[in-house]
Amino acid sequence: MRIVKFWLPIIAALAVVGCTGIKPDLKTPELSVVSVGMVSGDIFSQQFRVRLRVQNPNDRELPVKAIDYHLFLQGDSFAEGVSDAPFVVPAVGETEFDMLVRTNFVSSIGRLLSRLETTGSRQIQYEMSGKVFIDLPFVGGIPFSDTGIVDLTTR
């Protein structure tokens, strides 16, 4: 029994150290908004296509299973949710994909359109943050954050 009491904590500690060595050392992928365009809408809800670019700084491909995101346009909360279509980003490469988002922020859309009319520009500021979930063992959600300017399209 003494042998078990002595060796059990050592074996447990070695197992924990061994498992941390298995976790891949991944750099954070860079996500940016390429375009935002209204697909459909009425007074109660609007559907937008948000095109994102994902850049992979890692030397291995990243099988993305989901992106949990929160998107702000011109400082107003615009959309939040989880992407539902998995995709793969090549090693040291990039890919673009579309997310359909639904909003029901009538007042936010009104403020956004008012700002665009006032400035006469279709360029809007965005902020996006969240987590990228990679389909690899021992990898949890990788946090990301990005800000920039995007053209508001009508596609």
Foldseek 3Di string as FASTA:
>chain_A
DVVCVVCVVVVVVVVVVVVVVVDDDADDKAKDWAEKAWDDDDLFKTKIKTKMKTFGAAQAKFWWQKWFKWKDKQNHTDFTDMAHDIDIAGGRGMDMDIGITMDRPNVRVVVVVVVCVVVVFQKIKMKMWTWTQTPDPPDGTDIYIDIDIYGHDHD
